[in-house]
């Protein structure tokens, strides 16, 4: 595992506080998967070029986790269900 620094966006941090313990454990596992292999996510194109999305399940529901990375850091941008995920991510990326 590389020695990358992990940063959370403010939106990511706010949603993180609202999670139940089981949901947080699943999210932590997904983040560890990304730390072990940042290329695990699907690279996006167009407006979201440079953003990767890793998909995992919590209580049988698909959750998407978006992030960017380079050799020194990983930026966790957002996570949530598929509904409006990309629309909200585009809004966040513009700011």
Protein backbone atom coordinates (compact mmCIF):
# COMPACT_ATOMS: atom_id res chain seq x y z
CA UNK A 1 0.00 0.00 0.00
CA UNK A 2 1.32 3.41 -0.98
CA UNK A 3 1.75 6.25 1.48
CA UNK A 4 -0.89 8.48 -0.06
CA UNK A 5 -2.67 11.09 2.01
CA UNK A 6 -6.44 10.87 2.06
CA UNK A 7 -8.57 14.01 1.97
CA UNK A 8 -12.34 14.30 2.38
CA UNK A 9 -14.46 16.92 0.67
CA UNK A 10 -16.74 18.89 2.98
CA UNK A 11 -19.80 17.22 1.41
CA UNK A 12 -18.25 13.79 2.01
CA UNK A 13 -17.56 14.63 5.66
CA UNK A 14 -21.11 15.86 6.28
CA UNK A 15 -22.65 12.68 4.85
CA UNK A 16 -20.15 10.53 6.74
CA UNK A 17 -21.40 11.83 10.09
CA UNK A 18 -24.95 10.65 9.30
CA UNK A 19 -24.03 7.02 8.64
CA UNK A 20 -24.95 4.13 10.90
CA UNK A 21 -22.13 1.97 12.25
CA UNK A 22 -22.65 -0.86 9.73
CA UNK A 23 -22.79 1.58 6.82
CA UNK A 24 -19.60 3.29 7.99
CA UNK A 25 -17.83 -0.08 8.21
CA UNK A 26 -18.80 -0.88 4.60
CA UNK A 27 -17.64 2.58 3.48
CA UNK A 28 -14.32 2.13 5.34
CA UNK A 29 -13.79 -1.19 3.55
CA UNK A 30 -14.45 0.48 0.18
CA UNK A 31 -11.96 3.26 1.01
CA UNK A 32 -9.36 0.64 1.95
CA UNK A 33 -9.96 -1.07 -1.41
CA UNK A 34 -9.26 2.27 -3.11
CA UNK A 35 -6.13 2.84 -1.02
CA UNK A 36 -4.82 -0.60 -1.99
CA UNK A 37 -5.53 -0.05 -5.69
CA UNK A 38 -6.70 3.44 -6.73
CA UNK A 39 -7.31 2.26 -10.28
CA UNK A 40 -10.12 -0.02 -9.00
CA UNK A 41 -12.74 2.61 -9.83
CA UNK A 42 -14.23 3.35 -13.22
CA UNK A 43 -12.68 6.44 -14.83
CA UNK A 44 -15.21 9.02 -15.98
CA UNK A 45 -15.14 11.13 -19.14
CA UNK A 46 -16.53 14.49 -20.23
CA UNK A 47 -17.38 16.89 -17.41
CA UNK A 48 -16.07 14.40 -14.84
CA UNK A 49 -12.73 13.67 -16.48
CA UNK A 50 -10.20 12.65 -13.82
CA UNK A 51 -12.90 11.40 -11.44
CA UNK A 52 -13.13 7.71 -10.60
CA UNK A 53 -16.18 5.91 -9.20
CA UNK A 54 -15.95 2.76 -7.10
CA UNK A 55 -19.19 0.80 -6.59
CA UNK A 56 -19.98 -1.30 -3.53
CA UNK A 57 -23.04 -2.55 -1.69
CA UNK A 58 -24.48 -1.66 1.70
CA UNK A 59 -27.54 -3.65 2.79
CA UNK A 60 -28.02 -4.88 -0.79
CA UNK A 61 -28.12 -1.28 -2.09
CA UNK A 62 -25.53 -0.14 -4.61
CA UNK A 63 -23.46 2.81 -3.37
CA UNK A 64 -21.16 4.89 -5.55
CA UNK A 65 -18.00 6.47 -4.15
CA UNK A 66 -16.25 9.12 -6.24
CA UNK A 67 -12.64 10.16 -5.86
CA UNK A 68 -9.62 11.59 -7.62
CA UNK A 69 -6.06 10.50 -7.07
CA UNK A 70 -2.46 11.07 -7.99
CA UNK A 71 0.79 9.58 -6.69
CA UNK A 72 0.69 11.53 -3.42
CA UNK A 73 -2.97 11.86 -2.45
CA UNK A 74 -6.51 10.54 -2.77
CA UNK A 75 -9.41 12.99 -2.60
CA UNK A 76 -12.73 11.43 -1.60
CA UNK A 77 -15.40 13.59 -3.24
CA UNK A 78 -18.83 12.07 -2.60
CA UNK A 79 -20.76 8.87 -2.02
CA UNK A 80 -24.37 7.85 -2.25
CA UNK A 81 -26.96 5.91 -4.19
CA UNK A 82 -27.10 6.22 -7.97
CA UNK A 83 -30.10 8.57 -7.93
CA UNK A 84 -28.88 12.07 -8.90
CA UNK A 85 -25.32 11.05 -7.98
CA UNK A 86 -23.65 12.23 -11.17
CA UNK A 87 -25.74 15.41 -11.36
CA UNK A 88 -24.71 16.38 -7.82
CA UNK A 89 -21.11 15.39 -8.50
CA UNK A 90 -20.97 17.68 -11.55
CA UNK A 91 -22.32 20.54 -9.41
CA UNK A 92 -19.70 19.88 -6.74
CA UNK A 93 -16.87 19.63 -9.27
CA UNK A 94 -17.73 23.07 -10.73
CA UNK A 95 -17.16 24.76 -7.36
